[in-house]
Amino acid sequence: MRGCALLAAALPPTWARMKRFLPFLPQDPVVSVVRLNGLIAPAGRVGAGLNDATLAPLLERAFTRGRPKAVALAINSPGGSPVQSSLIAARIRRLAEEKSLPVHAFVEDVAGSGGYWLAAAADHIWVDETSIVGSIGVISAGFGLQDFIGRYGVERRVYTAGQSKSFLDPFRPEKAEDVERLKRLLDEIHAAFIAHVKARRGSRLADEPALFTGEFWAGRRAVELGLADGVAHLVPKLQEIYGEKVRLVPHAIRRPLFQRLGAQLAGAALQGLEERALWARYGL
């Protein structure tokens, strides 16, 4: 094996790049890099960003192809669907445990709400000094349009079998019992989010009353609170951990052709407004 190592060192640069195809030579370590960018939303929505159905084959490849030493997540997400956040995070943990691979999360602009749910699936979370991290909470928003349709003489007619089927109808006055029921649902989802963060971060979390209130912080303060492990950037940190010759293999979602060409449908435009509103919560 020493002879193989000497041979590898003596290879010219072109051959050095090709040595991964020669099984008898020592190989440079590989780290798969998965980019998780954008809104977290269910599959099937026009312009949907991150969801479990889309990411499943990509994550499978990242954890298996090329015999990686680790998987790195490059995260830039303001959040979105708590269900999809939970499903994606669970898949990451399942694959990490099956393959016995460490997972590193690198936060770019923001890992907020569902974006932090994804980051917490990693074993280590690294941030930039100016990254926005946290927002461990749950939100539901909508519109009340009953006065609008009344102004134009539109009458809403709804018939149901089951007294809760017209829950929070935006074209009818808000009901106190509907609001109370919604708050119970949000509290249950929030409890699941908190349990996930506590299970993943454990004793690293600071005793901070605001930690699970939906508050968010910049990078260094997030490290102090235990929401992240340090200030570091993807390439130099992975080189520090796995050596200067580590080979970073990117894995990204392949968007449909019409999205890559910038085609816009009404649904995509509406989703764009929704995503814009989520980013705006973090001043981005």
C-alpha atoms as a PDB file:
ATOM      1  CA  MET A   1       0.000   0.000   0.000  1.00  0.00           C
ATOM      2  CA  ARG A   2       2.950   2.337   0.635  1.00  0.00           C
ATOM      3  CA  GLY A   3       3.978   1.851  -2.974  1.00  0.00           C
ATOM      4  CA  CYS A   4       0.457   2.832  -4.107  1.00  0.00           C
ATOM      5  CA  ALA A   5       0.622   5.974  -1.983  1.00  0.00           C
ATOM      6  CA  LEU A   6       3.965   6.953  -3.482  1.00  0.00           C
ATOM      7  CA  LEU A   7       2.604   6.320  -6.970  1.00  0.00           C
ATOM      8  CA  ALA A   8      -0.400   8.534  -6.268  1.00  0.00           C
ATOM      9  CA  ALA A   9       1.841  11.335  -5.026  1.00  0.00           C
ATOM     10  CA  ALA A  10       3.962  11.116  -8.168  1.00  0.00           C
ATOM     11  CA  LEU A  11       1.027  11.349 -10.587  1.00  0.00           C
ATOM     12  CA  PRO A  12       0.709  14.572 -12.620  1.00  0.00           C
ATOM     13  CA  PRO A  13      -2.368  16.740 -11.831  1.00  0.00           C
ATOM     14  CA  THR A  14      -4.550  15.253 -14.589  1.00  0.00           C
ATOM     15  CA  TRP A  15      -3.825  11.741 -13.423  1.00  0.00           C
ATOM     16  CA  ALA A  16      -4.317  12.805  -9.817  1.00  0.00           C
ATOM     17  CA  ARG A  17      -7.851  13.854 -10.682  1.00  0.00           C
ATOM     18  CA  MET A  18      -8.444  10.519 -12.372  1.00  0.00           C
ATOM     19  CA  LYS A  19      -7.107   8.353  -9.583  1.00  0.00           C
ATOM     20  CA  ARG A  20     -10.569   7.930  -8.065  1.00  0.00           C
ATOM     21  CA  PHE A  21     -11.327   5.641 -11.012  1.00  0.00           C
ATOM     22  CA  LEU A  22      -8.336   3.408 -10.135  1.00  0.00           C
ATOM     23  CA  PRO A  23      -9.375   1.236  -7.175  1.00  0.00           C
ATOM     24  CA  PHE A  24      -5.842   0.144  -6.252  1.00  0.00           C
ATOM     25  CA  LEU A  25      -4.810   3.748  -5.429  1.00  0.00           C
ATOM     26  CA  PRO A  26      -5.640   5.490  -2.125  1.00  0.00           C
ATOM     27  CA  GLN A  27      -8.657   7.751  -2.623  1.00  0.00           C
ATOM     28  CA  ASP A  28      -9.221  11.315  -1.491  1.00  0.00           C
ATOM     29  CA  PRO A  29     -12.075  11.616   1.037  1.00  0.00           C
ATOM     30  CA  VAL A  30     -15.461  12.569  -0.409  1.00  0.00           C
ATOM     31  CA  VAL A  31     -18.104  14.771   1.238  1.00  0.00           C
ATOM     32  CA  SER A  32     -21.515  15.082  -0.404  1.00  0.00           C
ATOM     33  CA  VAL A  33     -22.880  18.628  -0.408  1.00  0.00           C
ATOM     34  CA  VAL A  34     -26.677  19.014  -0.551  1.00  0.00           C
ATOM     35  CA  ARG A  35     -28.103  22.478  -1.183  1.00  0.00           C
ATOM     36  CA  LEU A  36     -31.394  23.144   0.637  1.00  0.00           C
ATOM     37  CA  ASN A  37     -32.490  26.499  -0.685  1.00  0.00           C
ATOM     38  CA  GLY A  38     -35.890  28.201  -0.580  1.00  0.00           C
ATOM     39  CA  LEU A  39     -39.389  27.760   0.760  1.00  0.00           C
ATOM     40  CA  ILE A  40     -40.400  24.415   2.300  1.00  0.00           C
ATOM     41  CA  ALA A  41     -43.729  23.450   0.714  1.00  0.00           C
ATOM     42  CA  PRO A  42     -45.704  20.313  -0.206  1.00  0.00           C
ATOM     43  CA  ALA A  43     -45.020  18.591  -3.513  1.00  0.00           C
ATOM     44  CA  GLY A  44     -47.518  19.344  -6.254  1.00  0.00           C
ATOM     45  CA  ARG A  45     -47.718  23.073  -5.649  1.00  0.00           C
ATOM     46  CA  VAL A  46     -46.645  25.164  -8.623  1.00  0.00           C
ATOM     47  CA  GLY A  47     -43.115  26.364  -7.979  1.00  0.00           C
ATOM     48  CA  ALA A  48     -42.826  24.292  -4.777  1.00  0.00           C
ATOM     49  CA  GLY A  49     -39.352  24.447  -3.282  1.00  0.00           C
ATOM     50  CA  LEU A  50     -38.165  21.922  -0.717  1.00  0.00           C
ATOM     51  CA  ASN A  51     -40.269  18.865   0.089  1.00  0.00           C
ATOM     52  CA  ASP A  52     -39.676  15.261   1.057  1.00  0.00           C
ATOM     53  CA  ALA A  53     -40.859  13.763  -2.243  1.00  0.00           C
ATOM     54  CA  THR A  54     -38.443  15.879  -4.294  1.00  0.00           C
ATOM     55  CA  LEU A  55     -35.501  15.506  -1.921  1.00  0.00           C
ATOM     56  CA  ALA A  56     -35.827  11.753  -1.254  1.00  0.00           C
ATOM     57  CA  PRO A  57     -33.814  10.496  -4.284  1.00  0.00           C
ATOM     58  CA  LEU A  58     -31.310  13.344  -3.964  1.00  0.00           C
ATOM     59  CA  LEU A  59     -30.605  12.550  -0.313  1.00  0.00           C
ATOM     60  CA  GLU A  60     -30.336   8.831  -1.064  1.00  0.00           C
ATOM     61  CA  ARG A  61     -27.628   9.593  -3.650  1.00  0.00           C
ATOM     62  CA  ALA A  62     -25.827  11.988  -1.329  1.00  0.00           C
ATOM     63  CA  PHE A  63     -25.549   9.399   1.451  1.00  0.00           C
ATOM     64  CA  THR A  64     -24.465   6.520  -0.799  1.00  0.00           C
ATOM     65  CA  ARG A  65     -22.816   7.591  -4.063  1.00  0.00           C
ATOM     66  CA  GLY A  66     -19.020   7.715  -3.986  1.00  0.00           C
ATOM     67  CA  ARG A  67     -18.732   6.290  -0.458  1.00  0.00           C
ATOM     68  CA  PRO A  68     -18.754   9.701   1.251  1.00  0.00           C
ATOM     69  CA  LYS A  69     -17.120  10.339   4.593  1.00  0.00           C
ATOM     70  CA  ALA A  70     -19.853  12.814   5.521  1.00  0.00           C
ATOM     71  CA  VAL A  71     -22.771  14.827   4.175  1.00  0.00           C
ATOM     72  CA  ALA A  72     -22.894  18.618   4.295  1.00  0.00           C
ATOM     73  CA  LEU A  73     -26.137  20.593   4.077  1.00  0.00           C
ATOM     74  CA  ALA A  74     -25.906  24.134   2.658  1.00  0.00           C
ATOM     75  CA  ILE A  75     -29.070  25.707   4.081  1.00  0.00           C
ATOM     76  CA  ASN A  76     -30.749  28.931   3.069  1.00  0.00           C
ATOM     77  CA  SER A  77     -34.445  28.717   3.965  1.00  0.00           C
ATOM     78  CA  PRO A  78     -36.982  30.929   5.744  1.00  0.00           C
ATOM     79  CA  GLY A  79     -39.106  27.881   6.562  1.00  0.00           C
ATOM     80  CA  GLY A  80     -42.555  26.841   5.415  1.00  0.00           C
ATOM     81  CA  SER A  81     -44.497  23.615   5.924  1.00  0.00           C
ATOM     82  CA  PRO A  82     -43.828  22.041   9.355  1.00  0.00           C
ATOM     83  CA  VAL A  83     -44.891  18.625   8.025  1.00  0.00           C
ATOM     84  CA  GLN A  84     -42.401  18.715   5.147  1.00  0.00           C
ATOM     85  CA  SER A  85     -39.715  20.067   7.504  1.00  0.00           C
ATOM     86  CA  SER A  86     -40.292  17.131   9.843  1.00  0.00           C
ATOM     87  CA  LEU A  87     -40.314  14.563   7.015  1.00  0.00           C
ATOM     88  CA  ILE A  88     -37.092  15.878   5.449  1.00  0.00           C
ATOM     89  CA  ALA A  89     -35.310  16.071   8.811  1.00  0.00           C
ATOM     90  CA  ALA A  90     -36.423  12.532   9.701  1.00  0.00           C
ATOM     91  CA  ARG A  91     -35.116  11.237   6.355  1.00  0.00           C
ATOM     92  CA  ILE A  92     -31.750  12.907   6.938  1.00  0.00           C
ATOM     93  CA  ARG A  93     -31.461  11.329  10.386  1.00  0.00           C
ATOM     94  CA  ARG A  94     -32.561   7.918   9.132  1.00  0.00           C
ATOM     95  CA  LEU A  95     -29.963   7.892   6.357  1.00  0.00           C
ATOM     96  CA  ALA A  96     -27.249   9.251   8.641  1.00  0.00           C
ATOM     97  CA  GLU A  97     -27.836   6.443  11.126  1.00  0.00           C
ATOM     98  CA  GLU A  98     -28.156   3.731   8.454  1.00  0.00           C
ATOM     99  CA  LYS A  99     -24.884   4.788   6.778  1.00  0.00           C
ATOM    100  CA  SER A 100     -23.115   5.842  10.001  1.00  0.00           C
ATOM    101  CA  LEU A 101     -22.203   9.201   8.463  1.00  0.00           C
ATOM    102  CA  PRO A 102     -21.819  12.547  10.224  1.00  0.00           C
ATOM    103  CA  VAL A 103     -23.927  15.446   8.917  1.00  0.00           C
ATOM    104  CA  HIS A 104     -22.780  19.077   8.923  1.00  0.00           C
ATOM    105  CA  ALA A 105     -25.179  21.983   8.333  1.00  0.00           C
ATOM    106  CA  PHE A 106     -23.827  25.277   6.998  1.00  0.00           C
ATOM    107  CA  VAL A 107     -26.281  28.177   7.314  1.00  0.00           C
ATOM    108  CA  GLU A 108     -26.044  30.889   4.679  1.00  0.00           C
ATOM    109  CA  ASP A 109     -28.476  33.871   4.905  1.00  0.00           C
ATOM    110  CA  VAL A 110     -31.083  32.220   7.099  1.00  0.00           C
ATOM    111  CA  ALA A 111     -32.165  28.985   8.746  1.00  0.00           C
ATOM    112  CA  GLY A 112     -35.425  30.155  10.242  1.00  0.00           C
ATOM    113  CA  SER A 113     -38.422  28.182  11.453  1.00  0.00           C
ATOM    114  CA  GLY A 114     -38.606  25.100   9.179  1.00  0.00           C
ATOM    115  CA  GLY A 115     -35.148  25.996   7.857  1.00  0.00           C
ATOM    116  CA  TYR A 116     -33.789  25.553  11.379  1.00  0.00           C
ATOM    117  CA  TRP A 117     -35.792  22.320  11.729  1.00  0.00           C
ATOM    118  CA  LEU A 118     -33.673  21.024   8.816  1.00  0.00           C
ATOM    119  CA  ALA A 119     -30.426  22.379  10.279  1.00  0.00           C
ATOM    120  CA  ALA A 120     -31.131  20.661  13.599  1.00  0.00           C
ATOM    121  CA  ALA A 121     -31.125  17.308  11.795  1.00  0.00           C
ATOM    122  CA  ALA A 122     -27.348  17.732  11.414  1.00  0.00           C
ATOM    123  CA  ASP A 123     -24.795  16.676  14.014  1.00  0.00           C
ATOM    124  CA  HIS A 124     -23.061  20.052  13.795  1.00  0.00           C
ATOM    125  CA  ILE A 125     -24.383  23.446  12.705  1.00  0.00           C
ATOM    126  CA  TRP A 126     -22.041  26.125  11.367  1.00  0.00           C
ATOM    127  CA  VAL A 127     -23.059  29.712  10.645  1.00  0.00           C
ATOM    128  CA  ASP A 128     -21.736  32.949   9.237  1.00  0.00           C
ATOM    129  CA  GLU A 129     -21.496  35.868  11.651  1.00  0.00           C
ATOM    130  CA  THR A 130     -24.399  37.506   9.825  1.00  0.00           C
ATOM    131  CA  SER A 131     -26.599  34.418   9.365  1.00  0.00           C
ATOM    132  CA  ILE A 132     -30.101  34.594  10.843  1.00  0.00           C
ATOM    133  CA  VAL A 133     -30.914  31.541  12.959  1.00  0.00           C
ATOM    134  CA  GLY A 134     -33.865  30.384  15.049  1.00  0.00           C
ATOM    135  CA  SER A 135     -37.538  31.384  14.835  1.00  0.00           C
ATOM    136  CA  ILE A 136     -38.562  28.188  16.631  1.00  0.00           C
ATOM    137  CA  GLY A 137     -42.282  28.737  16.453  1.00  0.00           C
ATOM    138  CA  VAL A 138     -45.328  28.093  14.274  1.00  0.00           C
ATOM    139  CA  ILE A 139     -47.407  30.630  12.383  1.00  0.00           C
ATOM    140  CA  SER A 140     -50.702  30.564  10.518  1.00  0.00           C
ATOM    141  CA  ALA A 141     -51.864  33.552   8.462  1.00  0.00           C
ATOM    142  CA  GLY A 142     -54.773  34.335   6.197  1.00  0.00           C
ATOM    143  CA  PHE A 143     -57.282  37.005   5.206  1.00  0.00           C
ATOM    144  CA  GLY A 144     -60.815  37.925   6.238  1.00  0.00           C
ATOM    145  CA  LEU A 145     -62.724  38.808   3.073  1.00  0.00           C
ATOM    146  CA  GLN A 146     -66.318  38.887   4.307  1.00  0.00           C
ATOM    147  CA  ASP A 147     -66.545  42.712   4.155  1.00  0.00           C
ATOM    148  CA  PHE A 148     -64.953  42.760   0.707  1.00  0.00           C
ATOM    149  CA  ILE A 149     -67.505  40.425  -0.883  1.00  0.00           C
ATOM    150  CA  GLY A 150     -70.344  42.175   0.974  1.00  0.00           C
ATOM    151  CA  ARG A 151     -69.284  45.486  -0.528  1.00  0.00           C
ATOM    152  CA  TYR A 152     -69.781  44.035  -4.001  1.00  0.00           C
ATOM    153  CA  GLY A 153     -73.053  42.307  -3.221  1.00  0.00           C
ATOM    154  CA  VAL A 154     -71.628  38.787  -3.208  1.00  0.00           C
ATOM    155  CA  GLU A 155     -73.381  36.336  -0.900  1.00  0.00           C
ATOM    156  CA  ARG A 156     -71.446  33.373   0.480  1.00  0.00           C
ATOM    157  CA  ARG A 157     -73.402  30.075   0.570  1.00  0.00           C
ATOM    158  CA  VAL A 158     -71.867  27.100   2.345  1.00  0.00           C
ATOM    159  CA  TYR A 159     -73.567  23.796   3.225  1.00  0.00           C
ATOM    160  CA  THR A 160     -71.798  21.182   5.335  1.00  0.00           C
ATOM    161  CA  ALA A 161     -72.299  17.817   6.989  1.00  0.00           C
ATOM    162  CA  GLY A 162     -70.261  18.220  10.144  1.00  0.00           C
ATOM    163  CA  GLN A 163     -70.180  21.413  12.183  1.00  0.00           C
ATOM    164  CA  SER A 164     -66.417  21.964  11.770  1.00  0.00           C
ATOM    165  CA  LYS A 165     -66.204  21.578   7.984  1.00  0.00           C
ATOM    166  CA  SER A 166     -66.258  25.336   7.328  1.00  0.00           C
ATOM    167  CA  PHE A 167     -63.369  25.927   9.744  1.00  0.00           C
ATOM    168  CA  LEU A 168     -61.912  29.462   9.382  1.00  0.00           C
ATOM    169  CA  ASP A 169     -63.794  30.230   6.171  1.00  0.00           C
ATOM    170  CA  PRO A 170     -62.137  33.495   4.963  1.00  0.00           C
ATOM    171  CA  PHE A 171     -65.442  34.683   3.465  1.00  0.00           C
ATOM    172  CA  ARG A 172     -67.289  34.486   6.775  1.00  0.00           C
ATOM    173  CA  PRO A 173     -66.828  36.331  10.091  1.00  0.00           C
ATOM    174  CA  GLU A 174     -64.223  34.737  12.353  1.00  0.00           C
ATOM    175  CA  LYS A 175     -65.551  32.427  15.072  1.00  0.00           C
ATOM    176  CA  ALA A 176     -63.965  32.353  18.541  1.00  0.00           C
ATOM    177  CA  GLU A 177     -64.173  28.553  18.672  1.00  0.00           C
ATOM    178  CA  ASP A 178     -62.342  28.281  15.333  1.00  0.00           C
ATOM    179  CA  VAL A 179     -59.524  30.516  16.590  1.00  0.00           C
ATOM    180  CA  GLU A 180     -59.237  28.489  19.790  1.00  0.00           C
ATOM    181  CA  ARG A 181     -59.059  25.242  17.819  1.00  0.00           C
ATOM    182  CA  LEU A 182     -56.374  26.694  15.532  1.00  0.00           C
ATOM    183  CA  LYS A 183     -54.298  27.777  18.525  1.00  0.00           C
ATOM    184  CA  ARG A 184     -54.461  24.240  19.930  1.00  0.00           C
ATOM    185  CA  LEU A 185     -53.201  22.849  16.615  1.00  0.00           C
ATOM    186  CA  LEU A 186     -50.367  25.388  16.486  1.00  0.00           C
ATOM    187  CA  ASP A 187     -49.367  24.546  20.080  1.00  0.00           C
ATOM    188  CA  GLU A 188     -49.173  20.839  19.224  1.00  0.00           C
ATOM    189  CA  ILE A 189     -46.980  21.488  16.188  1.00  0.00           C
ATOM    190  CA  HIS A 190     -44.823  23.880  18.212  1.00  0.00           C
ATOM    191  CA  ALA A 191     -44.333  21.199  20.873  1.00  0.00           C
ATOM    192  CA  ALA A 192     -43.112  18.754  18.201  1.00  0.00           C
ATOM    193  CA  PHE A 193     -40.673  21.389  16.876  1.00  0.00           C
ATOM    194  CA  ILE A 194     -39.309  22.061  20.373  1.00  0.00           C
ATOM    195  CA  ALA A 195     -38.927  18.329  21.060  1.00  0.00           C
ATOM    196  CA  HIS A 196     -36.936  17.902  17.824  1.00  0.00           C
ATOM    197  CA  VAL A 197     -34.569  20.763  18.677  1.00  0.00           C
ATOM    198  CA  LYS A 198     -34.061  19.570  22.261  1.00  0.00           C
ATOM    199  CA  ALA A 199     -33.427  15.993  21.108  1.00  0.00           C
ATOM    200  CA  ARG A 200     -30.838  17.102  18.547  1.00  0.00           C
ATOM    201  CA  ARG A 201     -29.095  19.924  20.434  1.00  0.00           C
ATOM    202  CA  GLY A 202     -29.432  18.553  23.981  1.00  0.00           C
ATOM    203  CA  SER A 203     -27.132  20.061  26.588  1.00  0.00           C
ATOM    204  CA  ARG A 204     -25.663  22.471  24.027  1.00  0.00           C
ATOM    205  CA  LEU A 205     -28.767  24.655  24.365  1.00  0.00           C
ATOM    206  CA  ALA A 206     -28.485  27.616  26.721  1.00  0.00           C
ATOM    207  CA  ASP A 207     -31.020  28.287  29.467  1.00  0.00           C
ATOM    208  CA  GLU A 208     -32.657  31.155  27.582  1.00  0.00           C
ATOM    209  CA  PRO A 209     -36.388  31.881  28.075  1.00  0.00           C
ATOM    210  CA  ALA A 210     -36.739  33.334  24.545  1.00  0.00           C
ATOM    211  CA  LEU A 211     -35.286  30.254  22.824  1.00  0.00           C
ATOM    212  CA  PHE A 212     -38.631  28.750  21.763  1.00  0.00           C
ATOM    213  CA  THR A 213     -40.699  31.932  21.420  1.00  0.00           C
ATOM    214  CA  GLY A 214     -40.135  32.436  17.699  1.00  0.00           C
ATOM    215  CA  GLU A 215     -37.262  34.879  18.324  1.00  0.00           C
ATOM    216  CA  PHE A 216     -34.242  34.716  16.017  1.00  0.00           C
ATOM    217  CA  TRP A 217     -30.629  35.831  16.276  1.00  0.00           C
ATOM    218  CA  ALA A 218     -27.510  36.580  14.236  1.00  0.00           C
ATOM    219  CA  GLY A 219     -24.719  34.012  13.945  1.00  0.00           C
ATOM    220  CA  ARG A 220     -22.485  34.576  16.983  1.00  0.00           C
ATOM    221  CA  ARG A 221     -25.398  34.993  19.368  1.00  0.00           C
ATOM    222  CA  ALA A 222     -26.921  31.795  17.947  1.00  0.00           C
ATOM    223  CA  VAL A 223     -23.661  30.020  18.841  1.00  0.00           C
ATOM    224  CA  GLU A 224     -23.782  31.422  22.386  1.00  0.00           C
ATOM    225  CA  LEU A 225     -27.342  30.111  22.738  1.00  0.00           C
ATOM    226  CA  GLY A 226     -26.355  26.640  21.537  1.00  0.00           C
ATOM    227  CA  LEU A 227     -28.410  26.827  18.345  1.00  0.00           C
ATOM    228  CA  ALA A 228     -25.159  26.501  16.364  1.00  0.00           C
ATOM    229  CA  ASP A 229     -21.695  25.105  17.072  1.00  0.00           C
ATOM    230  CA  GLY A 230     -19.477  27.789  15.613  1.00  0.00           C
ATOM    231  CA  VAL A 231     -18.795  30.377  12.953  1.00  0.00           C
ATOM    232  CA  ALA A 232     -17.397  28.625   9.873  1.00  0.00           C
ATOM    233  CA  HIS A 233     -17.810  28.390   6.102  1.00  0.00           C
ATOM    234  CA  LEU A 234     -18.365  25.208   4.143  1.00  0.00           C
ATOM    235  CA  VAL A 235     -15.160  24.703   2.138  1.00  0.00           C
ATOM    236  CA  PRO A 236     -12.517  25.688   4.720  1.00  0.00           C
ATOM    237  CA  LYS A 237     -14.329  23.894   7.544  1.00  0.00           C
ATOM    238  CA  LEU A 238     -14.626  20.636   5.608  1.00  0.00           C
ATOM    239  CA  GLN A 239     -10.974  20.909   4.585  1.00  0.00           C
ATOM    240  CA  GLU A 240     -10.066  21.419   8.239  1.00  0.00           C
ATOM    241  CA  ILE A 241     -12.038  18.320   9.277  1.00  0.00           C
ATOM    242  CA  TYR A 242     -11.369  15.955   6.350  1.00  0.00           C
ATOM    243  CA  GLY A 243      -8.099  17.246   4.934  1.00  0.00           C
ATOM    244  CA  GLU A 244      -7.014  19.653   2.205  1.00  0.00           C
ATOM    245  CA  LYS A 245      -7.651  17.049  -0.503  1.00  0.00           C
ATOM    246  CA  VAL A 246     -11.277  16.437   0.426  1.00  0.00           C
ATOM    247  CA  ARG A 247     -13.463  16.234  -2.675  1.00  0.00           C
ATOM    248  CA  LEU A 248     -16.794  18.047  -2.381  1.00  0.00           C
ATOM    249  CA  VAL A 249     -19.498  16.505  -4.564  1.00  0.00           C
ATOM    250  CA  PRO A 250     -22.572  18.740  -5.058  1.00  0.00           C
ATOM    251  CA  HIS A 251     -26.128  17.369  -5.113  1.00  0.00           C
ATOM    252  CA  ALA A 252     -28.906  19.781  -6.105  1.00  0.00           C
ATOM    253  CA  ILE A 253     -32.583  19.633  -7.033  1.00  0.00           C
ATOM    254  CA  ARG A 254     -33.119  19.482 -10.783  1.00  0.00           C
ATOM    255  CA  ARG A 255     -35.813  22.027 -11.589  1.00  0.00           C
ATOM    256  CA  PRO A 256     -38.280  21.485 -14.452  1.00  0.00           C
ATOM    257  CA  LEU A 257     -37.319  23.182 -17.698  1.00  0.00           C
ATOM    258  CA  PHE A 258     -40.120  25.779 -17.529  1.00  0.00           C
ATOM    259  CA  GLN A 259     -38.890  26.891 -14.090  1.00  0.00           C
ATOM    260  CA  ARG A 260     -35.296  27.170 -15.261  1.00  0.00           C
ATOM    261  CA  LEU A 261     -36.431  29.331 -18.179  1.00  0.00           C
ATOM    262  CA  GLY A 262     -38.334  31.581 -15.792  1.00  0.00           C
ATOM    263  CA  ALA A 263     -41.840  30.721 -16.979  1.00  0.00           C
ATOM    264  CA  GLN A 264     -44.449  32.147 -14.599  1.00  0.00           C
ATOM    265  CA  LEU A 265     -47.942  30.821 -13.924  1.00  0.00           C
ATOM    266  CA  ALA A 266     -50.517  32.427 -11.670  1.00  0.00           C
ATOM    267  CA  GLY A 267     -49.904  29.813  -8.977  1.00  0.00           C
ATOM    268  CA  ALA A 268     -46.147  30.326  -9.177  1.00  0.00           C
ATOM    269  CA  ALA A 269     -46.615  34.085  -8.854  1.00  0.00           C
ATOM    270  CA  LEU A 270     -48.774  33.649  -5.747  1.00  0.00           C
ATOM    271  CA  GLN A 271     -46.234  31.278  -4.238  1.00  0.00           C
ATOM    272  CA  GLY A 272     -43.539  33.811  -5.013  1.00  0.00           C
ATOM    273  CA  LEU A 273     -45.425  36.403  -2.966  1.00  0.00           C
ATOM    274  CA  GLU A 274     -45.770  33.926  -0.096  1.00  0.00           C
ATOM    275  CA  GLU A 275     -42.064  33.121  -0.166  1.00  0.00           C
ATOM    276  CA  ARG A 276     -41.169  36.806  -0.423  1.00  0.00           C
ATOM    277  CA  ALA A 277     -43.218  37.441   2.726  1.00  0.00           C
ATOM    278  CA  LEU A 278     -41.358  34.704   4.604  1.00  0.00           C
ATOM    279  CA  TRP A 279     -37.934  36.065   3.626  1.00  0.00           C
ATOM    280  CA  ALA A 280     -39.072  39.581   4.594  1.00  0.00           C
ATOM    281  CA  ARG A 281     -39.674  38.430   8.179  1.00  0.00           C
ATOM    282  CA  TYR A 282     -35.893  38.171   8.523  1.00  0.00           C
ATOM    283  CA  GLY A 283     -35.152  41.480   6.805  1.00  0.00           C
ATOM    284  CA  LEU A 284     -34.034  39.735   3.594  1.00  0.00           C
END
